[in-house]
Amino acid sequence: MTPRKHRGSDLRDLLHEDGVLEEVEVRAVKRGLALKLARLAQEQEVTKSEMASRMKTSRAAVDRLLDANNPSITLTTLGKAARALGRKIKIEFVLA
């Protein structure tokens, strides 16, 4: 049996038509960053309080950073979090 060929638009097309594609992509990136940071902290056995101390910020700020549903994040905060976990940030632009 041959696989069916894709018909119609894909999810990206639908989100674009609805005018929410960019917002959805930004939220997905933030969610990925939050999950990655949480995983790194867990692997290194770094508590939120210890991470806050290393970042010279509050525990509440770390909670917001690790909240996958909170879309706001600054590069400064992301840089502090990366350094607190012995990492660097690498940002690249890719074709859309």
Protein backbone atom coordinates (compact mmCIF):
# COMPACT_ATOMS: atom_id res chain seq x y z
CA MET A 1 0.00 0.00 0.00
CA THR A 2 1.46 3.39 -0.97
CA PRO A 3 1.33 6.25 1.49
CA ARG A 4 -1.23 8.95 0.83
CA LYS A 5 0.10 12.19 -0.49
CA HIS A 6 -0.45 15.24 1.66
CA ARG A 7 -3.51 17.21 0.66
CA GLY A 8 -4.40 20.72 1.61
CA SER A 9 -2.51 23.15 3.77
CA ASP A 10 -0.36 22.29 6.74
CA LEU A 11 -0.55 23.64 10.27
CA ARG A 12 1.93 26.44 9.53
CA ASP A 13 -0.28 27.64 6.69
CA LEU A 14 -3.34 27.61 8.95
CA LEU A 15 -1.55 29.51 11.72
CA HIS A 16 -0.26 32.01 9.16
CA GLU A 17 -3.76 32.53 7.76
CA ASP A 18 -5.04 33.10 11.30
CA GLY A 19 -2.24 35.61 11.91
CA VAL A 20 -0.76 33.74 14.88
CA LEU A 21 2.17 31.86 13.33
CA GLU A 22 4.86 34.17 14.71
CA GLU A 23 3.37 34.14 18.22
CA VAL A 24 3.12 30.34 18.20
CA GLU A 25 6.72 29.98 17.00
CA VAL A 26 8.01 32.38 19.67
CA ARG A 27 6.15 30.48 22.39
CA ALA A 28 7.54 27.19 21.08
CA VAL A 29 11.10 28.52 21.20
CA LYS A 30 10.59 29.84 24.74
CA ARG A 31 9.12 26.52 25.82
CA GLY A 32 12.10 24.69 24.35
CA LEU A 33 14.54 27.02 26.13
CA ALA A 34 12.76 26.61 29.47
CA LEU A 35 12.74 22.84 29.16
CA LYS A 36 16.41 22.74 28.14
CA LEU A 37 17.45 24.95 31.07
CA ALA A 38 15.40 22.87 33.51
CA ARG A 39 16.97 19.66 32.17
CA LEU A 40 20.51 21.07 32.44
CA ALA A 41 19.87 22.24 35.99
CA GLN A 42 18.46 18.84 36.92
CA GLU A 43 21.43 17.00 35.34
CA GLN A 44 23.83 19.22 37.28
CA GLU A 45 21.71 18.97 40.44
CA VAL A 46 21.40 22.75 40.62
CA THR A 47 18.38 23.90 42.59
CA LYS A 48 16.36 26.96 41.62
CA SER A 49 17.72 28.77 44.66
CA GLU A 50 21.31 27.93 43.69
CA MET A 51 20.65 28.99 40.11
CA ALA A 52 19.20 32.29 41.32
CA SER A 53 22.29 32.84 43.46
CA ARG A 54 24.61 32.09 40.54
CA MET A 55 22.61 34.44 38.32
CA LYS A 56 22.52 37.14 41.02
CA THR A 57 18.75 37.31 40.77
CA SER A 58 15.68 36.21 42.69
CA ARG A 59 14.16 32.77 42.89
CA ALA A 60 10.98 34.28 41.40
CA ALA A 61 12.97 35.38 38.32
CA VAL A 62 14.28 31.83 37.89
CA ASP A 63 10.73 30.50 38.25
CA ARG A 64 9.61 32.84 35.44
CA LEU A 65 12.59 31.80 33.31
CA LEU A 66 11.81 28.10 33.73
CA ASP A 67 8.07 28.58 33.22
CA ALA A 68 7.48 27.19 29.73
CA ASN A 69 4.20 29.12 29.53
CA ASN A 70 5.78 32.51 30.28
CA PRO A 71 6.84 33.89 26.88
CA SER A 72 8.95 36.79 28.15
CA ILE A 73 12.70 36.35 28.36
CA THR A 74 15.59 38.69 27.74
CA LEU A 75 18.94 37.83 26.22
CA THR A 76 20.58 39.15 29.38
CA THR A 77 18.62 36.74 31.56
CA LEU A 78 19.22 33.89 29.14
CA GLY A 79 22.95 34.66 29.18
CA LYS A 80 23.03 34.66 32.98
CA ALA A 81 21.21 31.34 33.08
CA ALA A 82 23.58 29.80 30.55
CA ARG A 83 26.63 30.96 32.51
CA ALA A 84 25.10 29.71 35.75
CA LEU A 85 24.99 26.26 34.16
CA GLY A 86 28.44 26.48 32.56
CA ARG A 87 27.11 27.10 29.06
CA LYS A 88 27.16 29.78 26.40
CA ILE A 89 24.37 30.97 24.15
CA LYS A 90 24.55 30.38 20.43
CA ILE A 91 21.97 32.19 18.33
CA GLU A 92 21.70 31.75 14.62
CA PHE A 93 19.39 33.03 11.95
CA VAL A 94 17.95 30.44 9.59
CA LEU A 95 15.95 30.76 6.41
CA ALA A 96 12.23 30.97 6.96
